[in-house]
All heavy atoms as atom14 arrays in JSON, in Angstrom:
{
  "sequence": "QAPGKQRESVATVDSYNAARYSDSVWGRFIVSRNKNIVTLRMNSLKP",
  "atom14_mask": [
    [1, 1, 1, 1, 1, 1, 1, 1, 1, 0, 0, 0, 0, 0],
    [1, 1, 1, 1, 1, 0, 0, 0, 0, 0, 0, 0, 0, 0],
    [1, 1, 1, 1, 1, 1, 1, 0, 0, 0, 0, 0, 0, 0],
    [1, 1, 1, 1, 0, 0, 0, 0, 0, 0, 0, 0, 0, 0],
    [1, 1, 1, 1, 1, 1, 1, 1, 1, 0, 0, 0, 0, 0],
    [1, 1, 1, 1, 1, 1, 1, 1, 1, 0, 0, 0, 0, 0],
    [1, 1, 1, 1, 1, 1, 1, 1, 1, 1, 1, 0, 0, 0],
    [1, 1, 1, 1, 1, 1, 1, 1, 1, 0, 0, 0, 0, 0],
    [1, 1, 1, 1, 1, 1, 0, 0, 0, 0, 0, 0, 0, 0],
    [1, 1, 1, 1, 1, 1, 1, 0, 0, 0, 0, 0, 0, 0],
    [1, 1, 1, 1, 1, 0, 0, 0, 0, 0, 0, 0, 0, 0],
    [1, 1, 1, 1, 1, 1, 1, 0, 0, 0, 0, 0, 0, 0],
    [1, 1, 1, 1, 1, 1, 1, 0, 0, 0, 0, 0, 0, 0],
    [1, 1, 1, 1, 1, 1, 1, 1, 0, 0, 0, 0, 0, 0],
    [1, 1, 1, 1, 1, 1, 0, 0, 0, 0, 0, 0, 0, 0],
    [1, 1, 1, 1, 1, 1, 1, 1, 1, 1, 1, 1, 0, 0],
    [1, 1, 1, 1, 1, 1, 1, 1, 0, 0, 0, 0, 0, 0],
    [1, 1, 1, 1, 1, 0, 0, 0, 0, 0, 0, 0, 0, 0],
    [1, 1, 1, 1, 1, 0, 0, 0, 0, 0, 0, 0, 0, 0],
    [1, 1, 1, 1, 1, 1, 1, 1, 1, 1, 1, 0, 0, 0],
    [1, 1, 1, 1, 1, 1, 1, 1, 1, 1, 1, 1, 0, 0],
    [1, 1, 1, 1, 1, 1, 0, 0, 0, 0, 0, 0, 0, 0],
    [1, 1, 1, 1, 1, 1, 1, 1, 0, 0, 0, 0, 0, 0],
    [1, 1, 1, 1, 1, 1, 0, 0, 0, 0, 0, 0, 0, 0],
    [1, 1, 1, 1, 1, 1, 1, 0, 0, 0, 0, 0, 0, 0],
    [1, 1, 1, 1, 1, 1, 1, 1, 1, 1, 1, 1, 1, 1],
    [1, 1, 1, 1, 0, 0, 0, 0, 0, 0, 0, 0, 0, 0],
    [1, 1, 1, 1, 1, 1, 1, 1, 1, 1, 1, 0, 0, 0],
    [1, 1, 1, 1, 1, 1, 1, 1, 1, 1, 1, 0, 0, 0],
    [1, 1, 1, 1, 1, 1, 1, 1, 0, 0, 0, 0, 0, 0],
    [1, 1, 1, 1, 1, 1, 1, 0, 0, 0, 0, 0, 0, 0],
    [1, 1, 1, 1, 1, 1, 0, 0, 0, 0, 0, 0, 0, 0],
    [1, 1, 1, 1, 1, 1, 1, 1, 1, 1, 1, 0, 0, 0],
    [1, 1, 1, 1, 1, 1, 1, 1, 0, 0, 0, 0, 0, 0],
    [1, 1, 1, 1, 1, 1, 1, 1, 1, 0, 0, 0, 0, 0],
    [1, 1, 1, 1, 1, 1, 1, 1, 0, 0, 0, 0, 0, 0],
    [1, 1, 1, 1, 1, 1, 1, 1, 0, 0, 0, 0, 0, 0],
    [1, 1, 1, 1, 1, 1, 1, 0, 0, 0, 0, 0, 0, 0],
    [1, 1, 1, 1, 1, 1, 1, 0, 0, 0, 0, 0, 0, 0],
    [1, 1, 1, 1, 1, 1, 1, 1, 0, 0, 0, 0, 0, 0],
    [1, 1, 1, 1, 1, 1, 1, 1, 1, 1, 1, 0, 0, 0],
    [1, 1, 1, 1, 1, 1, 1, 1, 0, 0, 0, 0, 0, 0],
    [1, 1, 1, 1, 1, 1, 1, 1, 0, 0, 0, 0, 0, 0],
    [1, 1, 1, 1, 1, 1, 0, 0, 0, 0, 0, 0, 0, 0],
    [1, 1, 1, 1, 1, 1, 1, 1, 0, 0, 0, 0, 0, 0],
    [1, 1, 1, 1, 1, 1, 1, 1, 1, 0, 0, 0, 0, 0],
    [1, 1, 1, 1, 1, 1, 1, 0, 0, 0, 0, 0, 0, 0]
  ],
  "atom14_positions": [
    [[-0.6, -8.59, -1.8], [0.1, -8.47, -0.52], [0.97, -9.69, -0.34], [0.47, -10.82, -0.23], [-0.9, -8.33, 0.63], [-0.23, -8.03, 1.96], [-1.22, -7.56, 3.01], [-2.43, -7.71, 2.87], [-0.71, -6.95, 4.05], [0.0, 0.0, 0.0], [0.0, 0.0, 0.0], [0.0, 0.0, 0.0], [0.0, 0.0, 0.0], [0.0, 0.0, 0.0]],
    [[2.25, -9.44, -0.32], [3.22, -10.51, -0.09], [3.44, -10.67, 1.41], [3.18, -9.72, 2.18], [4.53, -10.19, -0.79], [0.0, 0.0, 0.0], [0.0, 0.0, 0.0], [0.0, 0.0, 0.0], [0.0, 0.0, 0.0], [0.0, 0.0, 0.0], [0.0, 0.0, 0.0], [0.0, 0.0, 0.0], [0.0, 0.0, 0.0], [0.0, 0.0, 0.0]],
    [[3.91, -11.82, 1.84], [4.14, -12.03, 3.27], [5.06, -10.96, 3.85], [6.13, -10.68, 3.32], [4.8, -13.41, 3.32], [4.33, -14.09, 2.09], [4.2, -13.02, 1.05], [0.0, 0.0, 0.0], [0.0, 0.0, 0.0], [0.0, 0.0, 0.0], [0.0, 0.0, 0.0], [0.0, 0.0, 0.0], [0.0, 0.0, 0.0], [0.0, 0.0, 0.0]],
    [[4.61, -10.36, 4.94], [5.41, -9.36, 5.62], [5.46, -7.99, 4.95], [6.21, -7.12, 5.39], [0.0, 0.0, 0.0], [0.0, 0.0, 0.0], [0.0, 0.0, 0.0], [0.0, 0.0, 0.0], [0.0, 0.0, 0.0], [0.0, 0.0, 0.0], [0.0, 0.0, 0.0], [0.0, 0.0, 0.0], [0.0, 0.0, 0.0], [0.0, 0.0, 0.0]],
    [[4.67, -7.81, 3.9], [4.68, -6.54, 3.19], [3.29, -5.92, 3.16], [2.29, -6.59, 3.41], [5.19, -6.74, 1.76], [6.64, -7.18, 1.69], [7.14, -7.18, 0.27], [8.61, -7.54, 0.18], [9.11, -7.51, -1.22], [0.0, 0.0, 0.0], [0.0, 0.0, 0.0], [0.0, 0.0, 0.0], [0.0, 0.0, 0.0], [0.0, 0.0, 0.0]],
    [[3.24, -4.64, 2.83], [1.97, -3.96, 2.72], [1.29, -4.3, 1.39], [1.95, -4.67, 0.41], [2.18, -2.45, 2.83], [2.58, -1.98, 4.21], [2.61, -0.47, 4.31], [2.82, 0.23, 3.33], [2.4, 0.05, 5.52], [0.0, 0.0, 0.0], [0.0, 0.0, 0.0], [0.0, 0.0, 0.0], [0.0, 0.0, 0.0], [0.0, 0.0, 0.0]],
    [[-0.01, -4.14, 1.37], [-0.75, -4.34, 0.14], [-0.36, -3.24, -0.86], [-0.25, -2.08, -0.5], [-2.25, -4.3, 0.41], [-3.11, -4.76, -0.74], [-4.57, -4.84, -0.37], [-4.79, -5.83, 0.69], [-6.02, -6.19, 1.11], [-7.09, -5.65, 0.55], [-6.14, -7.09, 2.07], [0.0, 0.0, 0.0], [0.0, 0.0, 0.0], [0.0, 0.0, 0.0]],
    [[-0.17, -3.65, -2.11], [0.24, -2.7, -3.13], [-0.62, -2.84, -4.39], [-1.14, -3.92, -4.67], [1.72, -2.91, -3.5], [2.02, -4.27, -4.1], [3.45, -4.41, -4.58], [4.23, -3.45, -4.46], [3.79, -5.51, -5.07], [0.0, 0.0, 0.0], [0.0, 0.0, 0.0], [0.0, 0.0, 0.0], [0.0, 0.0, 0.0], [0.0, 0.0, 0.0]],
    [[-0.72, -1.76, -5.12], [-1.46, -1.79, -6.37], [-0.65, -2.53, -7.43], [0.57, -2.36, -7.52], [-1.76, -0.37, -6.83], [-2.39, -0.39, -8.09], [0.0, 0.0, 0.0], [0.0, 0.0, 0.0], [0.0, 0.0, 0.0], [0.0, 0.0, 0.0], [0.0, 0.0, 0.0], [0.0, 0.0, 0.0], [0.0, 0.0, 0.0], [0.0, 0.0, 0.0]],
    [[-1.33, -3.34, -8.2], [-0.7, -4.07, -9.31], [-1.12, -3.46, -10.64], [-0.29, -3.07, -11.45], [-1.07, -5.56, -9.26], [-0.5, -6.3, -10.47], [-0.57, -6.2, -7.97], [0.0, 0.0, 0.0], [0.0, 0.0, 0.0], [0.0, 0.0, 0.0], [0.0, 0.0, 0.0], [0.0, 0.0, 0.0], [0.0, 0.0, 0.0], [0.0, 0.0, 0.0]],
    [[-2.42, -3.41, -10.86], [-2.95, -2.88, -12.11], [-4.39, -2.46, -11.91], [-5.13, -3.14, -11.19], [-2.85, -3.92, -13.22], [0.0, 0.0, 0.0], [0.0, 0.0, 0.0], [0.0, 0.0, 0.0], [0.0, 0.0, 0.0], [0.0, 0.0, 0.0], [0.0, 0.0, 0.0], [0.0, 0.0, 0.0], [0.0, 0.0, 0.0], [0.0, 0.0, 0.0]],
    [[-4.76, -1.34, -12.52], [-6.14, -0.87, -12.44], [-6.61, -0.48, -13.84], [-5.8, -0.16, -14.72], [-6.28, 0.34, -11.51], [-5.46, 1.41, -11.99], [-5.88, -0.01, -10.08], [0.0, 0.0, 0.0], [0.0, 0.0, 0.0], [0.0, 0.0, 0.0], [0.0, 0.0, 0.0], [0.0, 0.0, 0.0], [0.0, 0.0, 0.0], [0.0, 0.0, 0.0]],
    [[-7.91, -0.51, -14.01], [-8.49, -0.13, -15.29], [-9.79, 0.6, -15.02], [-10.61, 0.15, -14.2], [-8.69, -1.36, -16.2], [-9.51, -2.44, -15.54], [-9.28, -0.95, -17.54], [0.0, 0.0, 0.0], [0.0, 0.0, 0.0], [0.0, 0.0, 0.0], [0.0, 0.0, 0.0], [0.0, 0.0, 0.0], [0.0, 0.0, 0.0], [0.0, 0.0, 0.0]],
    [[-9.98, 1.73, -15.68], [-11.17, 2.53, -15.41], [-12.29, 2.18, -16.39], [-12.15, 1.26, -17.21], [-10.84, 4.02, -15.43], [-10.39, 4.53, -16.79], [-10.65, 3.86, -17.81], [-9.77, 5.61, -16.84], [0.0, 0.0, 0.0], [0.0, 0.0, 0.0], [0.0, 0.0, 0.0], [0.0, 0.0, 0.0], [0.0, 0.0, 0.0], [0.0, 0.0, 0.0]],
    [[-13.37, 2.91, -16.32], [-14.54, 2.6, -17.14], [-14.32, 2.93, -18.62], [-15.14, 2.55, -19.46], [-15.77, 3.35, -16.61], [-15.5, 4.73, -16.5], [0.0, 0.0, 0.0], [0.0, 0.0, 0.0], [0.0, 0.0, 0.0], [0.0, 0.0, 0.0], [0.0, 0.0, 0.0], [0.0, 0.0, 0.0], [0.0, 0.0, 0.0], [0.0, 0.0, 0.0]],
    [[-13.23, 3.63, -18.92], [-12.86, 3.91, -20.31], [-11.79, 2.94, -20.81], [-11.22, 3.15, -21.88], [-12.36, 5.35, -20.45], [-13.41, 6.37, -20.07], [-13.4, 6.97, -18.81], [-14.4, 6.73, -20.96], [-14.35, 7.9, -18.46], [-15.36, 7.67, -20.62], [-15.34, 8.24, -19.37], [-16.29, 9.16, -19.01], [0.0, 0.0, 0.0], [0.0, 0.0, 0.0]],
    [[-11.51, 1.93, -19.99], [-10.51, 0.92, -20.3], [-9.09, 1.46, -20.34], [-8.23, 0.9, -21.02], [-10.82, 0.18, -21.61], [-11.69, -1.03, -21.36], [-11.43, -1.82, -20.45], [-12.73, -1.18, -22.15], [0.0, 0.0, 0.0], [0.0, 0.0, 0.0], [0.0, 0.0, 0.0], [0.0, 0.0, 0.0], [0.0, 0.0, 0.0], [0.0, 0.0, 0.0]],
    [[-8.87, 2.54, -19.63], [-7.51, 3.05, -19.47], [-6.85, 2.31, -18.32], [-7.37, 2.29, -17.21], [-7.53, 4.54, -19.19], [0.0, 0.0, 0.0], [0.0, 0.0, 0.0], [0.0, 0.0, 0.0], [0.0, 0.0, 0.0], [0.0, 0.0, 0.0], [0.0, 0.0, 0.0], [0.0, 0.0, 0.0], [0.0, 0.0, 0.0], [0.0, 0.0, 0.0]],
    [[-5.72, 1.68, -18.59], [-5.06, 0.84, -17.6], [-3.81, 1.51, -17.05], [-3.14, 2.29, -17.73], [-4.68, -0.49, -18.24], [0.0, 0.0, 0.0], [0.0, 0.0, 0.0], [0.0, 0.0, 0.0], [0.0, 0.0, 0.0], [0.0, 0.0, 0.0], [0.0, 0.0, 0.0], [0.0, 0.0, 0.0], [0.0, 0.0, 0.0], [0.0, 0.0, 0.0]],
    [[-3.53, 1.19, -15.8], [-2.3, 1.65, -15.14], [-1.67, 0.46, -14.45], [-2.36, -0.4, -13.92], [-2.6, 2.76, -14.13], [-3.27, 3.97, -14.74], [-3.46, 5.06, -13.72], [-2.2, 5.66, -13.3], [-2.11, 6.7, -12.48], [-3.21, 7.23, -11.98], [-0.94, 7.19, -12.16], [0.0, 0.0, 0.0], [0.0, 0.0, 0.0], [0.0, 0.0, 0.0]],
    [[-0.34, 0.45, -14.47], [0.4, -0.68, -13.91], [1.47, -0.2, -12.95], [2.03, 0.89, -13.12], [1.09, -1.48, -15.02], [0.15, -2.08, -16.02], [-0.22, -1.39, -17.17], [-0.37, -3.36, -15.83], [-1.09, -1.94, -18.09], [-1.24, -3.92, -16.76], [-1.59, -3.21, -17.88], [-2.45, -3.77, -18.8], [0.0, 0.0, 0.0], [0.0, 0.0, 0.0]],
    [[1.78, -1.03, -11.99], [2.92, -0.73, -11.14], [4.19, -0.99, -11.94], [4.2, -1.78, -12.89], [2.9, -1.6, -9.89], [3.15, -2.95, -10.22], [0.0, 0.0, 0.0], [0.0, 0.0, 0.0], [0.0, 0.0, 0.0], [0.0, 0.0, 0.0], [0.0, 0.0, 0.0], [0.0, 0.0, 0.0], [0.0, 0.0, 0.0], [0.0, 0.0, 0.0]],
    [[5.26, -0.34, -11.55], [6.53, -0.52, -12.25], [6.99, -1.98, -12.22], [7.63, -2.46, -13.15], [7.61, 0.38, -11.62], [7.37, 1.85, -11.9], [6.57, 2.15, -12.81], [7.96, 2.69, -11.2], [0.0, 0.0, 0.0], [0.0, 0.0, 0.0], [0.0, 0.0, 0.0], [0.0, 0.0, 0.0], [0.0, 0.0, 0.0], [0.0, 0.0, 0.0]],
    [[6.67, -2.66, -11.14], [7.18, -4.02, -10.96], [6.54, -5.02, -11.92], [7.12, -6.1, -12.15], [6.95, -4.47, -9.52], [5.56, -4.47, -9.21], [0.0, 0.0, 0.0], [0.0, 0.0, 0.0], [0.0, 0.0, 0.0], [0.0, 0.0, 0.0], [0.0, 0.0, 0.0], [0.0, 0.0, 0.0], [0.0, 0.0, 0.0], [0.0, 0.0, 0.0]],
    [[5.38, -4.7, -12.49], [4.71, -5.64, -13.39], [4.6, -5.1, -14.81], [4.12, -5.81, -15.71], [3.31, -6.04, -12.87], [3.4, -6.55, -11.45], [2.33, -4.88, -12.97], [0.0, 0.0, 0.0], [0.0, 0.0, 0.0], [0.0, 0.0, 0.0], [0.0, 0.0, 0.0], [0.0, 0.0, 0.0], [0.0, 0.0, 0.0], [0.0, 0.0, 0.0]],
    [[5.04, -3.87, -15.01], [4.94, -3.24, -16.34], [5.6, -4.12, -17.39], [6.73, -4.54, -17.24], [5.57, -1.86, -16.3], [5.55, -1.16, -17.63], [6.52, -1.16, -18.58], [4.47, -0.39, -18.14], [6.12, -0.43, -19.66], [4.86, 0.07, -19.42], [3.22, -0.02, -17.64], [4.03, 0.87, -20.2], [2.41, 0.79, -18.43], [2.81, 1.22, -19.68]],
    [[4.88, -4.36, -18.47], [5.42, -5.16, -19.56], [5.23, -6.66, -19.39], [5.5, -7.43, -20.31], [0.0, 0.0, 0.0], [0.0, 0.0, 0.0], [0.0, 0.0, 0.0], [0.0, 0.0, 0.0], [0.0, 0.0, 0.0], [0.0, 0.0, 0.0], [0.0, 0.0, 0.0], [0.0, 0.0, 0.0], [0.0, 0.0, 0.0], [0.0, 0.0, 0.0]],
    [[4.81, -7.07, -18.2], [4.62, -8.51, -17.95], [3.16, -8.87, -17.71], [2.71, -9.96, -18.07], [5.44, -8.95, -16.74], [6.95, -8.74, -16.89], [7.72, -9.38, -15.74], [7.39, -8.78, -14.46], [6.9, -9.46, -13.42], [6.67, -10.76, -13.52], [6.64, -8.84, -12.28], [0.0, 0.0, 0.0], [0.0, 0.0, 0.0], [0.0, 0.0, 0.0]],
    [[2.43, -7.97, -17.07], [1.03, -8.22, -16.75], [0.14, -7.39, -17.66], [0.5, -6.27, -18.06], [0.73, -7.84, -15.3], [1.33, -8.76, -14.27], [2.32, -9.68, -14.58], [0.91, -8.67, -12.94], [2.86, -10.51, -13.62], [1.44, -9.49, -11.97], [2.42, -10.41, -12.31], [0.0, 0.0, 0.0], [0.0, 0.0, 0.0], [0.0, 0.0, 0.0]],
    [[-1.02, -7.94, -17.97], [-2.0, -7.22, -18.77], [-3.35, -7.29, -18.07], [-3.85, -8.38, -17.78], [-2.13, -7.83, -20.18], [-0.79, -7.77, -20.91], [-3.2, -7.09, -20.98], [-0.78, -8.53, -22.22], [0.0, 0.0, 0.0], [0.0, 0.0, 0.0], [0.0, 0.0, 0.0], [0.0, 0.0, 0.0], [0.0, 0.0, 0.0], [0.0, 0.0, 0.0]],
    [[-3.92, -6.13, -17.8], [-5.24, -6.07, -17.17], [-6.26, -5.7, -18.24], [-6.01, -4.87, -19.1], [-5.27, -5.06, -16.01], [-5.05, -3.62, -16.48], [-6.56, -5.18, -15.21], [0.0, 0.0, 0.0], [0.0, 0.0, 0.0], [0.0, 0.0, 0.0], [0.0, 0.0, 0.0], [0.0, 0.0, 0.0], [0.0, 0.0, 0.0], [0.0, 0.0, 0.0]],
    [[-7.4, -6.35, -18.18], [-8.47, -6.05, -19.13], [-9.79, -6.07, -18.39], [-9.94, -6.7, -17.34], [-8.48, -7.06, -20.27], [-8.66, -8.38, -19.8], [0.0, 0.0, 0.0], [0.0, 0.0, 0.0], [0.0, 0.0, 0.0], [0.0, 0.0, 0.0], [0.0, 0.0, 0.0], [0.0, 0.0, 0.0], [0.0, 0.0, 0.0], [0.0, 0.0, 0.0]],
    [[-10.74, -5.36, -18.98], [-12.04, -5.23, -18.32], [-13.15, -5.29, -19.35], [-13.07, -4.7, -20.43], [-12.11, -3.91, -17.55], [-13.43, -3.66, -16.84], [-13.36, -2.37, -16.07], [-14.66, -2.01, -15.52], [-14.88, -0.89, -14.84], [-13.89, -0.04, -14.62], [-16.08, -0.62, -14.37], [0.0, 0.0, 0.0], [0.0, 0.0, 0.0], [0.0, 0.0, 0.0]],
    [[-14.18, -6.03, -19.01], [-15.38, -6.1, -19.83], [-16.55, -5.9, -18.89], [-16.95, -6.82, -18.17], [-15.47, -7.44, -20.54], [-16.67, -7.53, -21.46], [-17.46, -6.6, -21.56], [-16.8, -8.65, -22.15], [0.0, 0.0, 0.0], [0.0, 0.0, 0.0], [0.0, 0.0, 0.0], [0.0, 0.0, 0.0], [0.0, 0.0, 0.0], [0.0, 0.0, 0.0]],
    [[-17.06, -4.69, -18.86], [-18.15, -4.31, -17.96], [-17.72, -4.58, -16.51], [-16.86, -3.89, -15.99], [-19.43, -5.04, -18.33], [-19.96, -4.67, -19.71], [-21.26, -5.37, -20.01], [-21.75, -4.97, -21.4], [-23.03, -5.66, -21.76], [0.0, 0.0, 0.0], [0.0, 0.0, 0.0], [0.0, 0.0, 0.0], [0.0, 0.0, 0.0], [0.0, 0.0, 0.0]],
    [[-18.3, -5.57, -15.89], [-18.02, -5.8, -14.48], [-17.08, -6.99, -14.25], [-17.05, -7.55, -13.14], [-19.33, -6.02, -13.72], [-20.2, -4.8, -13.75], [-19.71, -3.68, -13.76], [-21.5, -5.02, -13.8], [0.0, 0.0, 0.0], [0.0, 0.0, 0.0], [0.0, 0.0, 0.0], [0.0, 0.0, 0.0], [0.0, 0.0, 0.0], [0.0, 0.0, 0.0]],
    [[-16.33, -7.34, -15.28], [-15.36, -8.42, -15.15], [-13.98, -7.84, -15.44], [-13.76, -7.21, -16.47], [-15.66, -9.56, -16.14], [-17.06, -10.13, -15.91], [-14.6, -10.66, -16.0], [-17.48, -11.14, -16.94], [0.0, 0.0, 0.0], [0.0, 0.0, 0.0], [0.0, 0.0, 0.0], [0.0, 0.0, 0.0], [0.0, 0.0, 0.0], [0.0, 0.0, 0.0]],
    [[-13.08, -8.08, -14.51], [-11.7, -7.63, -14.72], [-10.78, -8.84, -14.64], [-10.92, -9.7, -13.77], [-11.29, -6.55, -13.69], [-11.35, -7.07, -12.26], [-9.91, -6.0, -14.0], [0.0, 0.0, 0.0], [0.0, 0.0, 0.0], [0.0, 0.0, 0.0], [0.0, 0.0, 0.0], [0.0, 0.0, 0.0], [0.0, 0.0, 0.0], [0.0, 0.0, 0.0]],
    [[-9.88, -8.92, -15.61], [-8.99, -10.07, -15.73], [-7.54, -9.59, -15.73], [-7.23, -8.55, -16.3], [-9.29, -10.84, -17.02], [-10.66, -11.27, -17.01], [-8.4, -12.07, -17.14], [0.0, 0.0, 0.0], [0.0, 0.0, 0.0], [0.0, 0.0, 0.0], [0.0, 0.0, 0.0], [0.0, 0.0, 0.0], [0.0, 0.0, 0.0], [0.0, 0.0, 0.0]],
    [[-6.7, -10.36, -15.09], [-5.27, -10.06, -15.06], [-4.52, -11.22, -15.67], [-4.56, -12.33, -15.15], [-4.8, -9.81, -13.63], [-3.36, -9.33, -13.49], [-3.2, -7.91, -14.04], [-2.93, -9.37, -12.02], [0.0, 0.0, 0.0], [0.0, 0.0, 0.0], [0.0, 0.0, 0.0], [0.0, 0.0, 0.0], [0.0, 0.0, 0.0], [0.0, 0.0, 0.0]],
    [[-3.84, -10.96, -16.75], [-3.0, -11.96, -17.39], [-1.57, -11.7, -16.93], [-1.05, -10.6, -17.09], [-3.09, -11.85, -18.9], [-2.15, -12.79, -19.65], [-2.53, -14.25, -19.49], [-1.68, -15.13, -20.3], [-1.76, -16.45, -20.27], [-2.64, -17.05, -19.47], [-0.98, -17.18, -21.04], [0.0, 0.0, 0.0], [0.0, 0.0, 0.0], [0.0, 0.0, 0.0]],
    [[-0.95, -12.7, -16.35], [0.39, -12.55, -15.77], [1.38, -13.39, -16.56], [1.22, -14.6, -16.66], [0.36, -13.0, -14.3], [-0.67, -12.27, -13.46], [-0.79, -12.88, -11.77], [-1.54, -14.49, -12.06], [0.0, 0.0, 0.0], [0.0, 0.0, 0.0], [0.0, 0.0, 0.0], [0.0, 0.0, 0.0], [0.0, 0.0, 0.0], [0.0, 0.0, 0.0]],
    [[2.38, -12.74, -17.11], [3.4, -13.41, -17.9], [4.77, -13.24, -17.23], [4.97, -12.33, -16.43], [3.44, -12.84, -19.31], [2.13, -13.02, -20.04], [1.57, -14.12, -20.09], [1.63, -11.94, -20.63], [0.0, 0.0, 0.0], [0.0, 0.0, 0.0], [0.0, 0.0, 0.0], [0.0, 0.0, 0.0], [0.0, 0.0, 0.0], [0.0, 0.0, 0.0]],
    [[5.69, -14.1, -17.61], [7.06, -14.02, -17.11], [7.09, -13.88, -15.59], [7.77, -13.01, -15.05], [7.8, -12.85, -17.77], [7.79, -12.96, -19.17], [0.0, 0.0, 0.0], [0.0, 0.0, 0.0], [0.0, 0.0, 0.0], [0.0, 0.0, 0.0], [0.0, 0.0, 0.0], [0.0, 0.0, 0.0], [0.0, 0.0, 0.0], [0.0, 0.0, 0.0]],
    [[6.34, -14.73, -14.94], [6.2, -14.63, -13.49], [7.53, -14.89, -12.78], [8.34, -15.73, -13.2], [5.13, -15.59, -12.99], [3.7, -15.09, -13.22], [2.7, -16.22, -13.16], [3.36, -14.02, -12.18], [0.0, 0.0, 0.0], [0.0, 0.0, 0.0], [0.0, 0.0, 0.0], [0.0, 0.0, 0.0], [0.0, 0.0, 0.0], [0.0, 0.0, 0.0]],
    [[7.72, -14.14, -11.7], [8.93, -14.22, -10.9], [8.56, -14.65, -9.48], [7.43, -14.41, -9.04], [9.6, -12.85, -10.84], [9.91, -12.23, -12.18], [10.48, -10.83, -12.01], [10.74, -10.16, -13.35], [11.28, -8.79, -13.19], [0.0, 0.0, 0.0], [0.0, 0.0, 0.0], [0.0, 0.0, 0.0], [0.0, 0.0, 0.0], [0.0, 0.0, 0.0]],
    [[9.5, -15.22, -8.75], [9.2, -15.58, -7.36], [8.7, -14.39, -6.54], [7.86, -14.57, -5.64], [10.55, -16.08, -6.84], [11.21, -16.63, -8.06], [10.8, -15.71, -9.17], [0.0, 0.0, 0.0], [0.0, 0.0, 0.0], [0.0, 0.0, 0.0], [0.0, 0.0, 0.0], [0.0, 0.0, 0.0], [0.0, 0.0, 0.0], [0.0, 0.0, 0.0]]
  ]
}
């Protein structure tokens, strides 16, 4: 959630490790999951 904006989905991953990304982060962010730990790697960050 950015200032003055609504909360939006960035990336999700299901129990089969299938990931989905928003268009705005596609190709830059990587979501991974190991059981009950989910990690988001963010590359080429923009303001």
